[in-house]
Amino acid sequence: MMEQLKRILQFISWPVLSGVMIAVLVMQYQQIQQINEFRRILEDRNSPPPQPISFSEAINRAAPAVVSINATPAELESIEQTSEGQVRLNFVEQDSSLGSGVIVNREGFILTNFHVVSQLMFETVVTLSDGRSTPATLVAFDEANDLAILHINMDDLTPIIQGDDGNLDVGDVVFAIGYPRNIGQSVSQGIISAKVDNRERSEGTYLLQTDAAINPGNSGGALIDRDGNLIGINSSIFSESGRFEGIGFATPVTTALTIMQELVAEAIANNPGYLGVLTGEVLNEETSRLFFGIPDIRGMLVENVDEGGPAERAGILPGDVITRVDRTPVIDEETIIMEFQNKRPGDRVLVQVYRDGRYLDLPTVLGFGQAMVFAP
């Protein structure tokens, strides 16, 4: 009996001992974890709080996203009778600085005020803080909230960082960035003076009131917090003299971006994709031989490429022949029109062109054409 008991104890001793050792190791590990946690808490308590960035750094973060909006308005200069029953209207183009805007994403969407872009114009041009300029397309607008969305086709954009207007308190330091009175980009400093009920525009919304100077040309520009984040779109002033008197207003960023997202989604759904080329000859055997000396080039000859358009960005040039869009051969004008009618802004397509004796496949991101979506 004793011999059997001895063998049983020998059999179970190693598992028991192993279990005890594992338990000890687990307890030691937990104690080490607790000690490390206590050390981390003590280090956090003794470490200095993070220092706020300087005002100049905050402004430098936001400034590249604030653009100048210019236009070529049409003014009727004279009316000329060319024949019996026919007249010619002679317009004069005049450069005009309209206001400011804010780049909100890398896809090229710009928020501004509706009143900035509401006047009749031939062409709207956006100029970035680095001096680059490009034509802009009015995508949509919301007149009731005085907001408009432009779109530009341009690479290497620096969108602004979105802030949180809900965390703002009266007295917080803010900066207004824009292009007042056509003197170049300018910054003014102030505070949040109040949050003003905005029932006249939209139920349940408010405006940010600030004493940061908002002068003509600042409309549509950025109101930023002390960290360089966008908190509002500068829109208007209250003044009996017509000059800035310390009472300016901005649409909060959350309101502006919510409206923008709805309008852009609707614009994309209702607008065909835009390539930005003017096409001419449909090449057949005769015209192919005439232009290129060989009989087998088929497609649409590109006569002109819109400045700043998707085609220009993709590398399509005047004189190219568009031979294929994705997998569809271009055999006539109707083919290419229908191909883009069935696509939407932002869609990526592969445009094949014939140039200098070879075929090139050019990835292209389609843009917007004329504005077609307007909020009631």
Protein backbone atom coordinates (compact mmCIF):
# COMPACT_ATOMS: atom_id res chain seq x y z
CA MET A 1 0.00 0.00 0.00
CA MET A 2 2.76 2.41 0.94
CA GLU A 3 4.55 1.60 -2.30
CA GLN A 4 1.45 2.44 -4.31
CA LEU A 5 0.94 5.72 -2.42
CA LYS A 6 4.55 6.67 -3.06
CA ARG A 7 4.17 6.06 -6.78
CA ILE A 8 0.95 8.16 -6.87
CA LEU A 9 2.68 11.07 -5.10
CA GLN A 10 5.60 10.88 -7.52
CA PHE A 11 3.14 10.91 -10.44
CA ILE A 12 1.24 14.03 -9.36
CA SER A 13 4.12 16.03 -7.85
CA TRP A 14 5.45 17.49 -11.12
CA PRO A 15 2.06 18.85 -12.35
CA VAL A 16 1.38 20.36 -8.93
CA LEU A 17 4.83 21.92 -8.76
CA SER A 18 4.49 23.26 -12.29
CA GLY A 19 1.11 24.80 -11.43
CA VAL A 20 2.53 26.46 -8.35
CA MET A 21 5.43 27.92 -10.34
CA ILE A 22 3.09 29.26 -13.03
CA ALA A 23 0.89 30.88 -10.37
CA VAL A 24 3.93 32.56 -8.81
CA LEU A 25 5.07 33.89 -12.19
CA VAL A 26 1.60 35.27 -12.95
CA MET A 27 1.48 37.05 -9.59
CA GLN A 28 4.93 38.53 -10.17
CA TYR A 29 3.94 39.72 -13.67
CA GLN A 30 0.81 41.42 -12.27
CA GLN A 31 2.87 43.12 -9.57
CA ILE A 32 5.35 44.39 -12.19
CA GLN A 33 2.45 45.73 -14.29
CA GLN A 34 1.04 47.55 -11.25
CA ILE A 35 4.43 49.07 -10.46
CA ASN A 36 4.84 50.27 -14.07
CA GLU A 37 1.33 51.79 -14.01
CA PHE A 38 2.13 53.66 -10.77
CA ARG A 39 5.36 54.94 -12.34
CA ARG A 40 3.47 56.15 -15.44
CA ILE A 41 0.92 58.01 -13.28
CA LEU A 42 3.70 59.68 -11.29
CA GLU A 43 5.54 60.68 -14.50
CA ASP A 44 2.34 62.16 -15.97
CA ARG A 45 1.77 64.18 -12.82
CA ASN A 46 5.32 65.51 -12.82
CA SER A 47 5.55 66.22 -16.57
CA PRO A 48 4.72 69.79 -17.71
CA PRO A 49 1.42 70.29 -19.56
CA PRO A 50 1.66 70.55 -23.38
CA GLN A 51 2.38 74.08 -24.52
CA PRO A 52 -0.02 75.73 -26.99
CA ILE A 53 1.42 76.51 -30.39
CA SER A 54 2.27 80.10 -31.28
CA PHE A 55 -0.22 82.29 -33.11
CA SER A 56 2.05 82.45 -36.15
CA GLU A 57 2.26 78.64 -36.32
CA ALA A 58 -1.53 78.36 -36.12
CA ILE A 59 -1.92 80.86 -38.96
CA ASN A 60 0.73 79.12 -41.07
CA ARG A 61 -1.18 75.85 -40.72
CA ALA A 62 -4.38 77.34 -42.10
CA ALA A 63 -3.18 80.00 -44.56
CA PRO A 64 -2.39 77.67 -47.53
CA ALA A 65 -6.04 76.55 -47.59
CA VAL A 66 -7.46 80.08 -47.90
CA VAL A 67 -7.80 81.25 -51.50
CA SER A 68 -8.70 84.39 -53.40
CA ILE A 69 -11.74 84.24 -55.70
CA ASN A 70 -11.67 86.49 -58.76
CA ALA A 71 -13.98 86.76 -61.75
CA THR A 72 -14.46 88.41 -65.10
CA PRO A 73 -17.85 90.11 -64.89
CA ALA A 74 -19.61 91.13 -68.09
CA GLU A 75 -20.76 94.73 -68.35
CA LEU A 76 -22.85 95.90 -71.30
CA GLU A 77 -20.88 98.66 -73.02
CA SER A 78 -23.00 99.35 -76.11
CA ILE A 79 -25.74 98.05 -78.39
CA GLU A 80 -24.99 98.01 -82.12
CA GLN A 81 -27.56 97.48 -84.86
CA THR A 82 -25.99 95.12 -87.40
CA SER A 83 -28.97 94.82 -89.74
CA GLU A 84 -32.68 95.39 -89.80
CA GLY A 85 -34.18 93.56 -86.87
CA GLN A 86 -30.80 92.44 -85.47
CA VAL A 87 -28.57 94.02 -82.83
CA ARG A 88 -25.22 93.13 -81.33
CA LEU A 89 -24.61 93.45 -77.61
CA ASN A 90 -21.03 94.51 -76.87
CA PHE A 91 -19.78 93.43 -73.47
CA VAL A 92 -16.63 94.52 -71.68
CA GLU A 93 -14.77 92.13 -69.42
CA GLN A 94 -13.36 93.60 -66.23
CA ASP A 95 -11.23 91.82 -63.66
CA SER A 96 -12.93 91.80 -60.30
CA SER A 97 -11.89 90.54 -56.88
CA LEU A 98 -14.94 88.88 -55.37
CA GLY A 99 -13.81 87.48 -52.06
CA SER A 100 -12.21 84.51 -50.38
CA GLY A 101 -12.73 80.77 -50.07
CA VAL A 102 -11.46 77.78 -48.10
CA ILE A 103 -10.13 74.50 -49.52
CA VAL A 104 -11.78 71.78 -47.44
CA ASN A 105 -10.40 68.58 -49.05
CA ARG A 106 -7.81 67.30 -51.50
CA GLU A 107 -10.50 66.65 -54.13
CA GLY A 108 -10.62 70.41 -54.77
CA PHE A 109 -13.86 71.51 -53.10
CA ILE A 110 -13.91 75.09 -51.82
CA LEU A 111 -16.40 76.64 -49.41
CA THR A 112 -17.29 80.30 -49.80
CA ASN A 113 -20.28 82.63 -49.49
CA PHE A 114 -23.10 82.63 -52.00
CA HIS A 115 -23.01 86.41 -52.25
CA VAL A 116 -19.35 86.17 -53.32
CA VAL A 117 -20.21 84.27 -56.53
CA SER A 118 -23.80 85.35 -57.17
CA GLN A 119 -23.08 88.06 -59.75
CA LEU A 120 -22.98 87.48 -63.52
CA MET A 121 -19.49 86.49 -64.70
CA PHE A 122 -17.70 84.93 -67.66
CA GLU A 123 -15.11 83.00 -65.69
CA THR A 124 -14.29 82.43 -62.04
CA VAL A 125 -10.62 82.02 -61.13
CA VAL A 126 -9.21 80.80 -57.82
CA THR A 127 -5.73 81.92 -56.75
CA LEU A 128 -3.90 79.98 -54.05
CA SER A 129 -1.61 81.49 -51.44
CA ASP A 130 1.40 80.09 -53.35
CA GLY A 131 0.42 82.10 -56.44
CA ARG A 132 -1.05 79.29 -58.54
CA SER A 133 -4.32 80.12 -60.33
CA THR A 134 -6.93 77.91 -61.96
CA PRO A 135 -10.50 78.23 -63.28
CA ALA A 136 -13.19 77.17 -60.83
CA THR A 137 -16.64 75.69 -61.36
CA LEU A 138 -19.66 76.63 -59.25
CA VAL A 139 -20.97 73.23 -58.15
CA ALA A 140 -23.93 74.24 -55.98
CA PHE A 141 -25.14 76.91 -53.59
CA ASP A 142 -27.49 77.46 -50.69
CA GLU A 143 -28.78 81.01 -50.85
CA ALA A 144 -30.67 80.80 -47.54
CA ASN A 145 -27.45 80.06 -45.62
CA ASP A 146 -25.25 82.22 -47.89
CA LEU A 147 -22.99 79.30 -48.80
CA ALA A 148 -21.58 78.16 -52.14
CA ILE A 149 -19.30 75.33 -53.23
CA LEU A 150 -16.68 75.72 -55.94
CA HIS A 151 -14.56 72.95 -57.44
CA ILE A 152 -11.06 73.20 -58.89
CA ASN A 153 -8.99 70.60 -60.74
CA MET A 154 -5.55 70.93 -59.20
CA ASP A 155 -2.93 68.73 -57.55
CA ASP A 156 -0.91 69.34 -54.38
CA LEU A 157 -3.70 71.07 -52.49
CA THR A 158 -3.47 71.75 -48.75
CA PRO A 159 -6.94 71.44 -47.21
CA ILE A 160 -7.69 73.11 -43.91
CA ILE A 161 -8.11 71.06 -40.72
CA GLN A 162 -11.66 71.00 -39.40
CA GLY A 163 -12.15 72.30 -35.87
CA ASP A 164 -15.06 71.91 -33.45
CA ASP A 165 -17.21 75.01 -33.11
CA GLY A 166 -19.24 73.23 -30.41
CA ASN A 167 -16.32 73.56 -27.95
CA LEU A 168 -15.93 77.31 -28.46
CA ASP A 169 -16.59 79.68 -25.59
CA VAL A 170 -17.11 83.42 -25.57
CA GLY A 171 -13.67 84.98 -25.18
CA ASP A 172 -11.74 82.33 -27.10
CA VAL A 173 -9.09 83.80 -29.41
CA VAL A 174 -9.80 83.48 -33.15
CA PHE A 175 -8.28 84.70 -36.42
CA ALA A 176 -9.97 85.72 -39.68
CA ILE A 177 -7.97 84.93 -42.85
CA GLY A 178 -8.94 86.28 -46.24
CA TYR A 179 -8.17 88.68 -49.07
CA PRO A 180 -9.64 92.06 -48.03
CA ARG A 181 -9.77 94.92 -50.53
CA ASN A 182 -7.56 93.08 -53.03
CA ILE A 183 -4.34 93.68 -51.03
CA GLY A 184 -3.35 90.01 -50.73
CA GLN A 185 -3.87 87.49 -47.98
CA SER A 186 -4.35 89.15 -44.62
CA VAL A 187 -5.04 88.04 -41.03
CA SER A 188 -6.96 89.79 -38.26
CA GLN A 189 -7.23 88.74 -34.62
CA GLY A 190 -10.21 88.82 -32.28
CA ILE A 191 -12.31 86.73 -29.94
CA ILE A 192 -15.62 84.91 -30.04
CA SER A 193 -18.00 87.67 -28.97
CA ALA A 194 -21.21 85.61 -28.90
CA LYS A 195 -23.13 82.72 -30.42
CA VAL A 196 -26.11 84.31 -32.13
CA ASP A 197 -29.37 82.50 -32.87
CA ASN A 198 -29.82 82.08 -36.63
CA ARG A 199 -33.51 81.27 -37.04
CA GLU A 200 -33.85 83.60 -40.01
CA ARG A 201 -31.70 81.18 -42.02
CA SER A 202 -32.20 77.71 -40.56
CA GLU A 203 -34.10 76.53 -37.48
CA GLY A 204 -31.80 75.41 -34.66
CA THR A 205 -28.63 76.94 -36.11
CA TYR A 206 -26.49 79.81 -34.90
CA LEU A 207 -23.81 82.21 -36.14
CA LEU A 208 -20.46 82.91 -34.54
CA GLN A 209 -20.05 86.58 -33.69
CA THR A 210 -16.49 87.91 -33.60
CA ASP A 211 -14.68 91.22 -33.34
CA ALA A 212 -11.91 90.00 -35.68
CA ALA A 213 -11.95 92.50 -38.56
CA ILE A 214 -13.97 91.29 -41.57
CA ASN A 215 -13.60 93.76 -44.43
CA PRO A 216 -14.78 93.60 -48.07
CA GLY A 217 -12.96 90.66 -49.65
CA ASN A 218 -12.82 88.67 -46.40
CA SER A 219 -16.25 87.15 -47.13
CA GLY A 220 -15.97 83.41 -47.64
CA GLY A 221 -12.63 83.23 -45.85
CA ALA A 222 -11.66 81.20 -42.81
CA LEU A 223 -12.30 81.84 -39.15
CA ILE A 224 -9.79 79.66 -37.27
CA ASP A 225 -9.08 78.85 -33.64
CA ARG A 226 -5.74 79.30 -31.91
CA ASP A 227 -4.63 75.85 -33.15
CA GLY A 228 -5.17 76.74 -36.82
CA ASN A 229 -8.36 74.68 -37.21
CA LEU A 230 -11.35 75.90 -39.22
CA ILE A 231 -14.27 76.87 -37.01
CA GLY A 232 -16.30 79.08 -39.37
CA ILE A 233 -16.77 80.68 -42.79
CA ASN A 234 -16.68 84.48 -42.52
CA SER A 235 -19.87 85.88 -44.02
CA SER A 236 -21.03 89.35 -42.98
CA ILE A 237 -20.75 92.37 -40.71
CA PHE A 238 -23.23 94.50 -38.82
CA SER A 239 -22.56 98.14 -39.61
CA GLU A 240 -24.49 101.39 -39.96
CA SER A 241 -21.56 103.11 -41.69
CA GLY A 242 -20.79 100.33 -44.18
CA ARG A 243 -17.37 99.86 -42.57
CA PHE A 244 -16.30 97.25 -40.04
CA GLU A 245 -17.39 98.29 -36.54
CA GLY A 246 -16.33 95.27 -34.49
CA ILE A 247 -19.34 93.06 -35.17
CA GLY A 248 -18.73 90.29 -37.68
CA PHE A 249 -20.42 86.94 -38.26
CA ALA A 250 -19.31 83.52 -39.48
CA THR A 251 -21.20 80.33 -40.31
CA PRO A 252 -20.01 77.56 -37.94
CA VAL A 253 -17.90 74.89 -39.64
CA THR A 254 -20.21 72.02 -38.66
CA THR A 255 -23.18 73.75 -40.29
CA ALA A 256 -21.20 74.69 -43.41
CA LEU A 257 -19.73 71.21 -43.95
CA THR A 258 -23.07 69.46 -43.37
CA ILE A 259 -24.70 71.65 -46.03
CA MET A 260 -21.73 71.14 -48.35
CA GLN A 261 -21.83 67.34 -48.07
CA GLU A 262 -25.53 67.26 -48.95
CA LEU A 263 -25.14 69.61 -51.92
CA VAL A 264 -22.03 67.89 -53.29
CA ALA A 265 -23.70 64.47 -53.09
CA GLU A 266 -26.68 65.85 -55.01
CA ALA A 267 -24.41 67.57 -57.54
CA ILE A 268 -22.47 64.38 -58.20
CA ALA A 269 -25.69 62.42 -58.67
CA ASN A 270 -27.10 64.96 -61.13
CA ASN A 271 -24.05 65.98 -63.16
CA PRO A 272 -22.28 63.93 -65.83
CA GLY A 273 -18.54 63.47 -65.68
CA TYR A 274 -16.58 66.35 -67.21
CA LEU A 275 -13.41 65.75 -69.23
CA GLY A 276 -12.68 69.28 -70.44
CA VAL A 277 -11.86 68.92 -74.13
CA LEU A 278 -13.22 70.31 -77.38
CA THR A 279 -13.25 67.60 -80.03
CA GLY A 280 -13.27 68.04 -83.78
CA GLU A 281 -12.81 65.55 -86.61
CA VAL A 282 -14.06 61.98 -86.37
CA LEU A 283 -11.21 60.10 -88.00
CA ASN A 284 -11.95 57.67 -90.81
CA GLU A 285 -9.60 56.10 -93.32
CA GLU A 286 -9.36 59.27 -95.37
CA THR A 287 -8.81 61.75 -92.51
CA SER A 288 -6.50 59.32 -90.70
CA ARG A 289 -4.28 59.18 -93.77
CA LEU A 290 -4.53 62.95 -94.20
CA PHE A 291 -3.49 63.80 -90.63
CA PHE A 292 -1.15 60.95 -89.76
CA GLY A 293 -0.15 59.31 -93.03
CA ILE A 294 -1.68 55.95 -92.11
CA PRO A 295 -5.25 54.73 -92.69
CA ASP A 296 -6.11 52.92 -89.46
CA ILE A 297 -6.33 55.61 -86.70
CA ARG A 298 -9.91 55.88 -85.40
CA GLY A 299 -11.27 58.26 -82.77
CA MET A 300 -11.96 61.92 -82.02
CA LEU A 301 -9.35 64.58 -82.68
CA VAL A 302 -8.77 66.90 -79.68
CA GLU A 303 -8.82 70.53 -80.79
CA ASN A 304 -8.65 72.28 -77.41
CA VAL A 305 -8.07 71.33 -73.76
CA ASP A 306 -9.68 73.39 -70.98
CA GLU A 307 -7.18 75.11 -68.74
CA GLY A 308 -7.09 73.42 -65.35
CA GLY A 309 -9.56 70.74 -66.47
CA PRO A 310 -9.36 66.97 -65.87
CA ALA A 311 -7.98 66.35 -69.38
CA GLU A 312 -5.11 68.78 -68.87
CA ARG A 313 -4.25 67.21 -65.51
CA ALA A 314 -4.27 63.77 -67.11
CA GLY A 315 -1.84 64.91 -69.82
CA ILE A 316 -4.21 65.03 -72.81
CA LEU A 317 -2.97 67.55 -75.40
CA PRO A 318 -4.45 69.35 -78.40
CA GLY A 319 -3.72 67.20 -81.45
CA ASP A 320 -4.23 63.93 -79.58
CA VAL A 321 -6.82 61.47 -80.87
CA ILE A 322 -9.07 59.95 -78.20
CA THR A 323 -9.36 56.35 -79.36
CA ARG A 324 -10.85 54.61 -76.33
CA VAL A 325 -12.56 55.43 -73.00
CA ASP A 326 -12.10 52.52 -70.61
CA ARG A 327 -13.05 49.54 -72.82
CA THR A 328 -15.24 51.47 -75.27
CA PRO A 329 -13.71 52.33 -78.68
CA VAL A 330 -14.50 55.88 -79.80
CA ILE A 331 -16.03 55.61 -83.25
CA ASP A 332 -18.06 58.83 -83.37
CA GLU A 333 -19.05 61.90 -81.35
CA GLU A 334 -22.14 60.20 -79.90
CA THR A 335 -20.00 57.42 -78.46
CA ILE A 336 -17.78 59.75 -76.45
CA ILE A 337 -20.72 61.91 -75.31
CA MET A 338 -22.66 58.90 -74.02
CA GLU A 339 -19.56 57.47 -72.37
CA PHE A 340 -19.18 60.55 -70.18
CA GLN A 341 -22.93 61.07 -69.70
CA ASN A 342 -22.96 57.71 -67.93
CA LYS A 343 -20.16 58.69 -65.56
CA ARG A 344 -20.08 61.08 -62.63
CA PRO A 345 -17.66 63.71 -61.29
CA GLY A 346 -14.92 62.01 -59.33
CA ASP A 347 -15.07 58.81 -61.40
CA ARG A 348 -11.73 57.46 -62.62
CA VAL A 349 -11.49 56.47 -66.27
CA LEU A 350 -8.71 55.30 -68.55
CA VAL A 351 -8.53 57.50 -71.65
CA GLN A 352 -6.48 56.10 -74.52
CA VAL A 353 -5.02 58.60 -76.98
CA TYR A 354 -2.94 58.31 -80.13
CA ARG A 355 0.06 60.65 -80.20
CA ASP A 356 3.31 60.73 -82.17
CA GLY A 357 2.92 57.25 -83.58
CA ARG A 358 1.96 55.46 -80.37
CA TYR A 359 -1.00 54.81 -78.09
CA LEU A 360 -0.97 56.15 -74.51
CA ASP A 361 -3.26 55.10 -71.65
CA LEU A 362 -3.89 58.14 -69.43
CA PRO A 363 -5.67 57.66 -66.04
CA THR A 364 -8.13 60.54 -65.65
CA VAL A 365 -10.31 61.76 -62.77
CA LEU A 366 -13.46 63.43 -64.12
CA GLY A 367 -14.56 66.80 -62.76
CA PHE A 368 -17.57 69.10 -62.87
CA GLY A 369 -18.88 71.07 -65.82
CA GLN A 370 -21.47 73.78 -65.36
CA ALA A 371 -23.35 74.22 -62.09
CA MET A 372 -26.67 72.39 -62.15
CA VAL A 373 -27.71 71.84 -58.53
CA PHE A 374 -29.15 74.63 -56.43
CA ALA A 375 -30.69 74.45 -52.98
CA PRO A 376 -34.16 76.03 -52.74
